[in-house]
Amino acid sequence: KGLIFNVAIPALCGVFVVIVGWKTKAPGPTIMAVIFAAIVW
């Protein structure tokens, strides 16, 4: 549980932001991805 909450979820949030930013190459969706990742994290 500690590994999931302290390592896996933050890592997945970071990967999510990078993938959205790389795929869209637009600031709007990337900013929203950062906001959603911050909420989940």
PDB file of all heavy atoms in Angstrom:
ATOM      1  N   LYS A   1       0.834  -1.204   0.000  1.00  0.00           N
ATOM      2  CA  LYS A   1       0.000   0.000   0.000  1.00  0.00           C
ATOM      3  C   LYS A   1       0.871   1.257   0.000  1.00  0.00           C
ATOM      4  O   LYS A   1       0.629   2.190  -0.760  1.00  0.00           O
ATOM      5  CB  LYS A   1      -0.928  -0.001   1.214  1.00  0.00           C
ATOM      6  CG  LYS A   1      -1.869   1.186   1.251  1.00  0.00           C
ATOM      7  CD  LYS A   1      -2.790   1.130   2.441  1.00  0.00           C
ATOM      8  CE  LYS A   1      -2.009   1.397   3.697  1.00  0.00           C
ATOM      9  NZ  LYS A   1      -2.811   1.578   4.893  1.00  0.00           N
ATOM     10  N   GLY A   2       1.898   1.263   0.826  1.00  0.00           N
ATOM     11  CA  GLY A   2       2.814   2.404   0.854  1.00  0.00           C
ATOM     12  C   GLY A   2       3.519   2.599  -0.475  1.00  0.00           C
ATOM     13  O   GLY A   2       3.694   3.728  -0.942  1.00  0.00           O
ATOM     14  N   LEU A   3       3.929   1.490  -1.098  1.00  0.00           N
ATOM     15  CA  LEU A   3       4.588   1.569  -2.398  1.00  0.00           C
ATOM     16  C   LEU A   3       3.648   2.138  -3.460  1.00  0.00           C
ATOM     17  O   LEU A   3       4.046   2.977  -4.269  1.00  0.00           O
ATOM     18  CB  LEU A   3       5.076   0.176  -2.806  1.00  0.00           C
ATOM     19  CG  LEU A   3       5.868   0.081  -4.105  1.00  0.00           C
ATOM     20  CD1 LEU A   3       7.179   0.837  -3.963  1.00  0.00           C
ATOM     21  CD2 LEU A   3       6.131  -1.366  -4.449  1.00  0.00           C
ATOM     22  N   ILE A   4       2.410   1.722  -3.429  1.00  0.00           N
ATOM     23  CA  ILE A   4       1.438   2.225  -4.414  1.00  0.00           C
ATOM     24  C   ILE A   4       1.187   3.708  -4.211  1.00  0.00           C
ATOM     25  O   ILE A   4       1.237   4.496  -5.152  1.00  0.00           O
ATOM     26  CB  ILE A   4       0.129   1.417  -4.337  1.00  0.00           C
ATOM     27  CG1 ILE A   4       0.338   0.008  -4.876  1.00  0.00           C
ATOM     28  CG2 ILE A   4      -0.990   2.121  -5.108  1.00  0.00           C
ATOM     29  CD1 ILE A   4      -0.828  -0.933  -4.637  1.00  0.00           C
ATOM     30  N   PHE A   5       0.909   4.109  -2.952  1.00  0.00           N
ATOM     31  CA  PHE A   5       0.541   5.502  -2.705  1.00  0.00           C
ATOM     32  C   PHE A   5       1.731   6.454  -2.778  1.00  0.00           C
ATOM     33  O   PHE A   5       1.559   7.620  -3.129  1.00  0.00           O
ATOM     34  CB  PHE A   5      -0.147   5.648  -1.348  1.00  0.00           C
ATOM     35  CG  PHE A   5      -1.570   5.159  -1.354  1.00  0.00           C
ATOM     36  CD1 PHE A   5      -1.979   4.178  -0.478  1.00  0.00           C
ATOM     37  CD2 PHE A   5      -2.492   5.679  -2.239  1.00  0.00           C
ATOM     38  CE1 PHE A   5      -3.285   3.722  -0.479  1.00  0.00           C
ATOM     39  CE2 PHE A   5      -3.791   5.231  -2.256  1.00  0.00           C
ATOM     40  CZ  PHE A   5      -4.193   4.248  -1.370  1.00  0.00           C
ATOM     41  N   ASN A   6       2.932   5.987  -2.435  1.00  0.00           N
ATOM     42  CA  ASN A   6       4.086   6.882  -2.392  1.00  0.00           C
ATOM     43  C   ASN A   6       4.950   6.850  -3.645  1.00  0.00           C
ATOM     44  O   ASN A   6       5.714   7.784  -3.873  1.00  0.00           O
ATOM     45  CB  ASN A   6       4.967   6.545  -1.177  1.00  0.00           C
ATOM     46  CG  ASN A   6       4.233   6.779   0.123  1.00  0.00           C
ATOM     47  OD1 ASN A   6       3.387   7.643   0.224  1.00  0.00           O
ATOM     48  ND2 ASN A   6       4.557   5.979   1.119  1.00  0.00           N
ATOM     49  N   VAL A   7       4.830   5.797  -4.455  1.00  0.00           N
ATOM     50  CA  VAL A   7       5.671   5.693  -5.640  1.00  0.00           C
ATOM     51  C   VAL A   7       4.846   5.549  -6.918  1.00  0.00           C
ATOM     52  O   VAL A   7       5.016   6.315  -7.866  1.00  0.00           O
ATOM     53  CB  VAL A   7       6.660   4.505  -5.505  1.00  0.00           C
ATOM     54  CG1 VAL A   7       7.485   4.344  -6.763  1.00  0.00           C
ATOM     55  CG2 VAL A   7       7.559   4.687  -4.297  1.00  0.00           C
ATOM     56  N   ALA A   8       3.950   4.570  -6.953  1.00  0.00           N
ATOM     57  CA  ALA A   8       3.248   4.248  -8.198  1.00  0.00           C
ATOM     58  C   ALA A   8       2.314   5.368  -8.650  1.00  0.00           C
ATOM     59  O   ALA A   8       2.338   5.751  -9.820  1.00  0.00           O
ATOM     60  CB  ALA A   8       2.476   2.944  -8.042  1.00  0.00           C
ATOM     61  N   ILE A   9       1.493   5.885  -7.749  1.00  0.00           N
ATOM     62  CA  ILE A   9       0.543   6.925  -8.162  1.00  0.00           C
ATOM     63  C   ILE A   9       1.262   8.200  -8.604  1.00  0.00           C
ATOM     64  O   ILE A   9       0.935   8.747  -9.666  1.00  0.00           O
ATOM     65  CB  ILE A   9      -0.499   7.182  -7.061  1.00  0.00           C
ATOM     66  CG1 ILE A   9      -1.424   5.962  -6.946  1.00  0.00           C
ATOM     67  CG2 ILE A   9      -1.302   8.450  -7.340  1.00  0.00           C
ATOM     68  CD1 ILE A   9      -2.454   6.046  -5.850  1.00  0.00           C
ATOM     69  N   PRO A  10       2.258   8.718  -7.854  1.00  0.00           N
ATOM     70  CA  PRO A  10       2.981   9.891  -8.368  1.00  0.00           C
ATOM     71  C   PRO A  10       3.676   9.627  -9.700  1.00  0.00           C
ATOM     72  O   PRO A  10       3.677  10.491 -10.585  1.00  0.00           O
ATOM     73  CB  PRO A  10       3.998  10.198  -7.256  1.00  0.00           C
ATOM     74  CG  PRO A  10       3.380   9.659  -6.022  1.00  0.00           C
ATOM     75  CD  PRO A  10       2.640   8.432  -6.462  1.00  0.00           C
ATOM     76  N   ALA A  11       4.248   8.424  -9.858  1.00  0.00           N
ATOM     77  CA  ALA A  11       4.909   8.106 -11.131  1.00  0.00           C
ATOM     78  C   ALA A  11       3.899   8.067 -12.275  1.00  0.00           C
ATOM     79  O   ALA A  11       4.158   8.608 -13.362  1.00  0.00           O
ATOM     80  CB  ALA A  11       5.635   6.773 -11.021  1.00  0.00           C
ATOM     81  N   LEU A  12       2.743   7.457 -12.048  1.00  0.00           N
ATOM     82  CA  LEU A  12       1.718   7.408 -13.088  1.00  0.00           C
ATOM     83  C   LEU A  12       1.182   8.803 -13.413  1.00  0.00           C
ATOM     84  O   LEU A  12       0.873   9.099 -14.571  1.00  0.00           O
ATOM     85  CB  LEU A  12       0.579   6.481 -12.666  1.00  0.00           C
ATOM     86  CG  LEU A  12       0.916   4.989 -12.685  1.00  0.00           C
ATOM     87  CD1 LEU A  12      -0.238   4.179 -12.097  1.00  0.00           C
ATOM     88  CD2 LEU A  12       1.220   4.535 -14.095  1.00  0.00           C
ATOM     89  N   CYS A  13       1.073   9.653 -12.412  1.00  0.00           N
ATOM     90  CA  CYS A  13       0.637  11.029 -12.673  1.00  0.00           C
ATOM     91  C   CYS A  13       1.651  11.758 -13.552  1.00  0.00           C
ATOM     92  O   CYS A  13       1.286  12.472 -14.487  1.00  0.00           O
ATOM     93  CB  CYS A  13       0.440  11.783 -11.353  1.00  0.00           C
ATOM     94  SG  CYS A  13      -1.010  11.268 -10.429  1.00  0.00           S
ATOM     95  N   GLY A  14       2.930  11.581 -13.251  1.00  0.00           N
ATOM     96  CA  GLY A  14       3.971  12.193 -14.081  1.00  0.00           C
ATOM     97  C   GLY A  14       3.966  11.666 -15.494  1.00  0.00           C
ATOM     98  O   GLY A  14       4.078  12.428 -16.463  1.00  0.00           O
ATOM     99  N   VAL A  15       3.814  10.360 -15.643  1.00  0.00           N
ATOM    100  CA  VAL A  15       3.755   9.753 -16.980  1.00  0.00           C
ATOM    101  C   VAL A  15       2.538  10.268 -17.739  1.00  0.00           C
ATOM    102  O   VAL A  15       2.631  10.578 -18.938  1.00  0.00           O
ATOM    103  CB  VAL A  15       3.738   8.210 -16.868  1.00  0.00           C
ATOM    104  CG1 VAL A  15       3.395   7.565 -18.193  1.00  0.00           C
ATOM    105  CG2 VAL A  15       5.066   7.715 -16.349  1.00  0.00           C
ATOM    106  N   PHE A  16       1.408  10.393 -17.049  1.00  0.00           N
ATOM    107  CA  PHE A  16       0.192  10.909 -17.678  1.00  0.00           C
ATOM    108  C   PHE A  16       0.414  12.314 -18.229  1.00  0.00           C
ATOM    109  O   PHE A  16       0.057  12.610 -19.383  1.00  0.00           O
ATOM    110  CB  PHE A  16      -0.947  10.906 -16.651  1.00  0.00           C
ATOM    111  CG  PHE A  16      -2.207  11.557 -17.104  1.00  0.00           C
ATOM    112  CD1 PHE A  16      -3.003  10.969 -18.074  1.00  0.00           C
ATOM    113  CD2 PHE A  16      -2.616  12.769 -16.564  1.00  0.00           C
ATOM    114  CE1 PHE A  16      -4.181  11.562 -18.493  1.00  0.00           C
ATOM    115  CE2 PHE A  16      -3.793  13.372 -16.975  1.00  0.00           C
ATOM    116  CZ  PHE A  16      -4.568  12.770 -17.947  1.00  0.00           C
ATOM    117  N   VAL A  17       1.027  13.184 -17.442  1.00  0.00           N
ATOM    118  CA  VAL A  17       1.276  14.561 -17.894  1.00  0.00           C
ATOM    119  C   VAL A  17       2.230  14.573 -19.079  1.00  0.00           C
ATOM    120  O   VAL A  17       2.002  15.290 -20.066  1.00  0.00           O
ATOM    121  CB  VAL A  17       1.827  15.411 -16.726  1.00  0.00           C
ATOM    122  CG1 VAL A  17       2.319  16.757 -17.221  1.00  0.00           C
ATOM    123  CG2 VAL A  17       0.770  15.593 -15.653  1.00  0.00           C
ATOM    124  N   VAL A  18       3.285  13.782 -19.024  1.00  0.00           N
ATOM    125  CA  VAL A  18       4.256  13.752 -20.128  1.00  0.00           C
ATOM    126  C   VAL A  18       3.610  13.226 -21.405  1.00  0.00           C
ATOM    127  O   VAL A  18       3.801  13.792 -22.490  1.00  0.00           O
ATOM    128  CB  VAL A  18       5.483  12.895 -19.732  1.00  0.00           C
ATOM    129  CG1 VAL A  18       6.371  12.615 -20.931  1.00  0.00           C
ATOM    130  CG2 VAL A  18       6.269  13.590 -18.633  1.00  0.00           C
ATOM    131  N   ILE A  19       2.822  12.169 -21.299  1.00  0.00           N
ATOM    132  CA  ILE A  19       2.190  11.602 -22.494  1.00  0.00           C
ATOM    133  C   ILE A  19       1.184  12.575 -23.094  1.00  0.00           C
ATOM    134  O   ILE A  19       1.151  12.770 -24.310  1.00  0.00           O
ATOM    135  CB  ILE A  19       1.534  10.247 -22.165  1.00  0.00           C
ATOM    136  CG1 ILE A  19       2.618   9.201 -21.926  1.00  0.00           C
ATOM    137  CG2 ILE A  19       0.594   9.797 -23.274  1.00  0.00           C
ATOM    138  CD1 ILE A  19       2.107   7.864 -21.455  1.00  0.00           C
ATOM    139  N   VAL A  20       0.368  13.195 -22.246  1.00  0.00           N
ATOM    140  CA  VAL A  20      -0.607  14.168 -22.776  1.00  0.00           C
ATOM    141  C   VAL A  20       0.112  15.336 -23.434  1.00  0.00           C
ATOM    142  O   VAL A  20      -0.259  15.774 -24.528  1.00  0.00           O
ATOM    143  CB  VAL A  20      -1.555  14.658 -21.660  1.00  0.00           C
ATOM    144  CG1 VAL A  20      -2.354  15.864 -22.108  1.00  0.00           C
ATOM    145  CG2 VAL A  20      -2.484  13.540 -21.228  1.00  0.00           C
ATOM    146  N   GLY A  21       1.149  15.846 -22.794  1.00  0.00           N
ATOM    147  CA  GLY A  21       1.902  16.962 -23.379  1.00  0.00           C
ATOM    148  C   GLY A  21       2.584  16.588 -24.670  1.00  0.00           C
ATOM    149  O   GLY A  21       2.619  17.365 -25.620  1.00  0.00           O
ATOM    150  N   TRP A  22       3.120  15.364 -24.734  1.00  0.00           N
ATOM    151  CA  TRP A  22       3.827  14.928 -25.931  1.00  0.00           C
ATOM    152  C   TRP A  22       2.867  14.648 -27.079  1.00  0.00           C
ATOM    153  O   TRP A  22       3.142  14.991 -28.228  1.00  0.00           O
ATOM    154  CB  TRP A  22       4.635  13.679 -25.595  1.00  0.00           C
ATOM    155  CG  TRP A  22       5.445  13.173 -26.741  1.00  0.00           C
ATOM    156  CD1 TRP A  22       6.457  13.819 -27.380  1.00  0.00           C
ATOM    157  CD2 TRP A  22       5.309  11.911 -27.377  1.00  0.00           C
ATOM    158  NE1 TRP A  22       6.958  13.021 -28.377  1.00  0.00           N
ATOM    159  CE2 TRP A  22       6.273  11.837 -28.401  1.00  0.00           C
ATOM    160  CE3 TRP A  22       4.462  10.825 -27.167  1.00  0.00           C
ATOM    161  CZ2 TRP A  22       6.405  10.728 -29.212  1.00  0.00           C
ATOM    162  CZ3 TRP A  22       4.608   9.720 -27.975  1.00  0.00           C
ATOM    163  CH2 TRP A  22       5.571   9.684 -28.995  1.00  0.00           C
ATOM    164  N   LYS A  23       1.729  14.044 -26.787  1.00  0.00           N
ATOM    165  CA  LYS A  23       0.778  13.693 -27.840  1.00  0.00           C
ATOM    166  C   LYS A  23       0.045  14.917 -28.377  1.00  0.00           C
ATOM    167  O   LYS A  23      -0.197  15.020 -29.577  1.00  0.00           O
ATOM    168  CB  LYS A  23      -0.258  12.682 -27.321  1.00  0.00           C
ATOM    169  CG  LYS A  23       0.290  11.297 -27.117  1.00  0.00           C
ATOM    170  CD  LYS A  23       0.488  10.626 -28.446  1.00  0.00           C
ATOM    171  CE  LYS A  23       0.781   9.163 -28.236  1.00  0.00           C
ATOM    172  NZ  LYS A  23       0.924   8.462 -29.495  1.00  0.00           N
ATOM    173  N   THR A  24      -0.355  15.833 -27.497  1.00  0.00           N
ATOM    174  CA  THR A  24      -1.155  16.972 -27.963  1.00  0.00           C
ATOM    175  C   THR A  24      -0.296  18.131 -28.442  1.00  0.00           C
ATOM    176  O   THR A  24      -0.700  18.869 -29.331  1.00  0.00           O
ATOM    177  CB  THR A  24      -2.069  17.477 -26.835  1.00  0.00           C
ATOM    178  OG1 THR A  24      -1.281  17.941 -25.753  1.00  0.00           O
ATOM    179  CG2 THR A  24      -3.035  16.407 -26.394  1.00  0.00           C
ATOM    180  N   LYS A  25       0.859  18.325 -27.826  1.00  0.00           N
ATOM    181  CA  LYS A  25       1.748  19.451 -28.145  1.00  0.00           C
ATOM    182  C   LYS A  25       1.009  20.790 -28.072  1.00  0.00           C
ATOM    183  O   LYS A  25       1.267  21.710 -28.837  1.00  0.00           O
ATOM    184  CB  LYS A  25       2.397  19.255 -29.500  1.00  0.00           C
ATOM    185  CG  LYS A  25       3.267  18.019 -29.571  1.00  0.00           C
ATOM    186  CD  LYS A  25       4.182  18.037 -30.747  1.00  0.00           C
ATOM    187  CE  LYS A  25       5.046  16.833 -30.916  1.00  0.00           C
ATOM    188  NZ  LYS A  25       4.991  15.713 -30.104  1.00  0.00           N
ATOM    189  N   ALA A  26       0.071  20.856 -27.134  1.00  0.00           N
ATOM    190  CA  ALA A  26      -0.702  22.082 -26.938  1.00  0.00           C
ATOM    191  C   ALA A  26      -0.699  22.399 -25.439  1.00  0.00           C
ATOM    192  O   ALA A  26      -0.736  21.501 -24.605  1.00  0.00           O
ATOM    193  CB  ALA A  26      -2.127  21.895 -27.432  1.00  0.00           C
ATOM    194  N   PRO A  27      -0.679  23.692 -25.108  1.00  0.00           N
ATOM    195  CA  PRO A  27      -0.604  24.042 -23.682  1.00  0.00           C
ATOM    196  C   PRO A  27      -1.888  23.762 -22.906  1.00  0.00           C
ATOM    197  O   PRO A  27      -1.831  23.381 -21.741  1.00  0.00           O
ATOM    198  CB  PRO A  27      -0.281  25.532 -23.688  1.00  0.00           C
ATOM    199  CG  PRO A  27      -0.698  26.022 -25.025  1.00  0.00           C
ATOM    200  CD  PRO A  27      -0.569  24.876 -25.961  1.00  0.00           C
ATOM    201  N   GLY A  28      -3.043  23.909 -23.530  1.00  0.00           N
ATOM    202  CA  GLY A  28      -4.311  23.735 -22.825  1.00  0.00           C
ATOM    203  C   GLY A  28      -4.500  22.345 -22.235  1.00  0.00           C
ATOM    204  O   GLY A  28      -4.708  22.190 -21.024  1.00  0.00           O
ATOM    205  N   PRO A  29      -4.435  21.305 -23.070  1.00  0.00           N
ATOM    206  CA  PRO A  29      -4.594  19.955 -22.532  1.00  0.00           C
ATOM    207  C   PRO A  29      -3.492  19.572 -21.544  1.00  0.00           C
ATOM    208  O   PRO A  29      -3.736  18.851 -20.579  1.00  0.00           O
ATOM    209  CB  PRO A  29      -4.534  19.057 -23.766  1.00  0.00           C
ATOM    210  CG  PRO A  29      -4.905  19.936 -24.904  1.00  0.00           C
ATOM    211  CD  PRO A  29      -4.431  21.303 -24.537  1.00  0.00           C
ATOM    212  N   THR A  30      -2.287  20.081 -21.764  1.00  0.00           N
ATOM    213  CA  THR A  30      -1.191  19.770 -20.849  1.00  0.00           C
ATOM    214  C   THR A  30      -1.427  20.399 -19.483  1.00  0.00           C
ATOM    215  O   THR A  30      -1.190  19.764 -18.450  1.00  0.00           O
ATOM    216  CB  THR A  30       0.150  20.249 -21.436  1.00  0.00           C
ATOM    217  OG1 THR A  30       0.308  19.702 -22.744  1.00  0.00           O
ATOM    218  CG2 THR A  30       1.308  19.834 -20.560  1.00  0.00           C
ATOM    219  N   ILE A  31      -1.917  21.620 -19.460  1.00  0.00           N
ATOM    220  CA  ILE A  31      -2.228  22.283 -18.191  1.00  0.00           C
ATOM    221  C   ILE A  31      -3.346  21.537 -17.476  1.00  0.00           C
ATOM    222  O   ILE A  31      -3.287  21.328 -16.255  1.00  0.00           O
ATOM    223  CB  ILE A  31      -2.587  23.765 -18.436  1.00  0.00           C
ATOM    224  CG1 ILE A  31      -1.345  24.532 -18.883  1.00  0.00           C
ATOM    225  CG2 ILE A  31      -3.184  24.397 -17.177  1.00  0.00           C
ATOM    226  CD1 ILE A  31      -1.626  25.939 -19.376  1.00  0.00           C
ATOM    227  N   MET A  32      -4.369  21.120 -18.206  1.00  0.00           N
ATOM    228  CA  MET A  32      -5.452  20.352 -17.581  1.00  0.00           C
ATOM    229  C   MET A  32      -4.941  19.010 -17.061  1.00  0.00           C
ATOM    230  O   MET A  32      -5.357  18.543 -16.002  1.00  0.00           O
ATOM    231  CB  MET A  32      -6.598  20.128 -18.567  1.00  0.00           C
ATOM    232  CG  MET A  32      -7.408  21.375 -18.865  1.00  0.00           C
ATOM    233  SD  MET A  32      -8.043  22.199 -17.401  1.00  0.00           S
ATOM    234  CE  MET A  32      -9.107  20.964 -16.719  1.00  0.00           C
ATOM    235  N   ALA A  33      -4.021  18.378 -17.792  1.00  0.00           N
ATOM    236  CA  ALA A  33      -3.432  17.122 -17.327  1.00  0.00           C
ATOM    237  C   ALA A  33      -2.657  17.335 -16.035  1.00  0.00           C
ATOM    238  O   ALA A  33      -2.720  16.503 -15.122  1.00  0.00           O
ATOM    239  CB  ALA A  33      -2.519  16.537 -18.404  1.00  0.00           C
ATOM    240  N   VAL A  34      -1.945  18.445 -15.934  1.00  0.00           N
ATOM    241  CA  VAL A  34      -1.216  18.765 -14.704  1.00  0.00           C
ATOM    242  C   VAL A  34      -2.189  18.961 -13.549  1.00  0.00           C
ATOM    243  O   VAL A  34      -1.969  18.466 -12.438  1.00  0.00           O
ATOM    244  CB  VAL A  34      -0.333  20.017 -14.902  1.00  0.00           C
ATOM    245  CG1 VAL A  34       0.219  20.515 -13.570  1.00  0.00           C
ATOM    246  CG2 VAL A  34       0.799  19.719 -15.864  1.00  0.00           C
ATOM    247  N   ILE A  35      -3.281  19.668 -13.778  1.00  0.00           N
ATOM    248  CA  ILE A  35      -4.280  19.910 -12.731  1.00  0.00           C
ATOM    249  C   ILE A  35      -4.915  18.600 -12.279  1.00  0.00           C
ATOM    250  O   ILE A  35      -5.020  18.325 -11.078  1.00  0.00           O
ATOM    251  CB  ILE A  35      -5.342  20.908 -13.223  1.00  0.00           C
ATOM    252  CG1 ILE A  35      -4.714  22.301 -13.389  1.00  0.00           C
ATOM    253  CG2 ILE A  35      -6.533  20.964 -12.269  1.00  0.00           C
ATOM    254  CD1 ILE A  35      -5.592  23.312 -14.091  1.00  0.00           C
ATOM    255  N   PHE A  36      -5.329  17.758 -13.223  1.00  0.00           N
ATOM    256  CA  PHE A  36      -5.931  16.470 -12.863  1.00  0.00           C
ATOM    257  C   PHE A  36      -4.933  15.566 -12.135  1.00  0.00           C
ATOM    258  O   PHE A  36      -5.284  14.908 -11.155  1.00  0.00           O
ATOM    259  CB  PHE A  36      -6.481  15.760 -14.092  1.00  0.00           C
ATOM    260  CG  PHE A  36      -7.703  16.412 -14.672  1.00  0.00           C
ATOM    261  CD1 PHE A  36      -7.888  16.450 -16.043  1.00  0.00           C
ATOM    262  CD2 PHE A  36      -8.667  16.980 -13.868  1.00  0.00           C
ATOM    263  CE1 PHE A  36      -9.018  17.045 -16.591  1.00  0.00           C
ATOM    264  CE2 PHE A  36      -9.802  17.583 -14.400  1.00  0.00           C
ATOM    265  CZ  PHE A  36      -9.974  17.619 -15.765  1.00  0.00           C
ATOM    266  N   ALA A  37      -3.690  15.551 -12.602  1.00  0.00           N
ATOM    267  CA  ALA A  37      -2.667  14.738 -11.940  1.00  0.00           C
ATOM    268  C   ALA A  37      -2.414  15.244 -10.519  1.00  0.00           C
ATOM    269  O   ALA A  37      -2.235  14.446  -9.592  1.00  0.00           O
ATOM    270  CB  ALA A  37      -1.379  14.750 -12.752  1.00  0.00           C
ATOM    271  N   ALA A  38      -2.405  16.555 -10.338  1.00  0.00           N
ATOM    272  CA  ALA A  38      -2.200  17.117  -8.996  1.00  0.00           C
ATOM    273  C   ALA A  38      -3.350  16.745  -8.061  1.00  0.00           C
ATOM    274  O   ALA A  38      -3.125  16.452  -6.876  1.00  0.00           O
ATOM    275  CB  ALA A  38      -2.053  18.632  -9.088  1.00  0.00           C
ATOM    276  N   ILE A  39      -4.572  16.745  -8.573  1.00  0.00           N
ATOM    277  CA  ILE A  39      -5.726  16.356  -7.749  1.00  0.00           C
ATOM    278  C   ILE A  39      -5.607  14.899  -7.334  1.00  0.00           C
ATOM    279  O   ILE A  39      -5.771  14.553  -6.157  1.00  0.00           O
ATOM    280  CB  ILE A  39      -7.042  16.622  -8.508  1.00  0.00           C
ATOM    281  CG1 ILE A  39      -7.277  18.127  -8.648  1.00  0.00           C
ATOM    282  CG2 ILE A  39      -8.222  15.951  -7.801  1.00  0.00           C
ATOM    283  CD1 ILE A  39      -8.416  18.490  -9.578  1.00  0.00           C
ATOM    284  N   VAL A  40      -5.316  14.020  -8.282  1.00  0.00           N
ATOM    285  CA  VAL A  40      -5.189  12.592  -7.972  1.00  0.00           C
ATOM    286  C   VAL A  40      -4.039  12.357  -6.998  1.00  0.00           C
ATOM    287  O   VAL A  40      -4.169  11.628  -6.008  1.00  0.00           O
ATOM    288  CB  VAL A  40      -4.992  11.768  -9.263  1.00  0.00           C
ATOM    289  CG1 VAL A  40      -4.602  10.339  -8.956  1.00  0.00           C
ATOM    290  CG2 VAL A  40      -6.252  11.809 -10.101  1.00  0.00           C
ATOM    291  N   TRP A  41      -2.904  12.980  -7.251  1.00  0.00           N
ATOM    292  CA  TRP A  41      -1.738  12.827  -6.394  1.00  0.00           C
ATOM    293  C   TRP A  41      -2.044  13.351  -4.986  1.00  0.00           C
ATOM    294  O   TRP A  41      -1.722  12.706  -3.989  1.00  0.00           O
ATOM    295  CB  TRP A  41      -0.567  13.572  -7.002  1.00  0.00           C
ATOM    296  CG  TRP A  41       0.770  13.322  -6.368  1.00  0.00           C
ATOM    297  CD1 TRP A  41       1.023  12.721  -5.180  1.00  0.00           C
ATOM    298  CD2 TRP A  41       2.027  13.663  -6.918  1.00  0.00           C
ATOM    299  NE1 TRP A  41       2.373  12.678  -4.952  1.00  0.00           N
ATOM    300  CE2 TRP A  41       3.010  13.254  -6.001  1.00  0.00           C
ATOM    301  CE3 TRP A  41       2.423  14.294  -8.086  1.00  0.00           C
ATOM    302  CZ2 TRP A  41       4.365  13.446  -6.233  1.00  0.00           C
ATOM    303  CZ3 TRP A  41       3.777  14.483  -8.305  1.00  0.00           C
ATOM    304  CH2 TRP A  41       4.729  14.066  -7.395  1.00  0.00           C
TER     305      TRP A  41
END
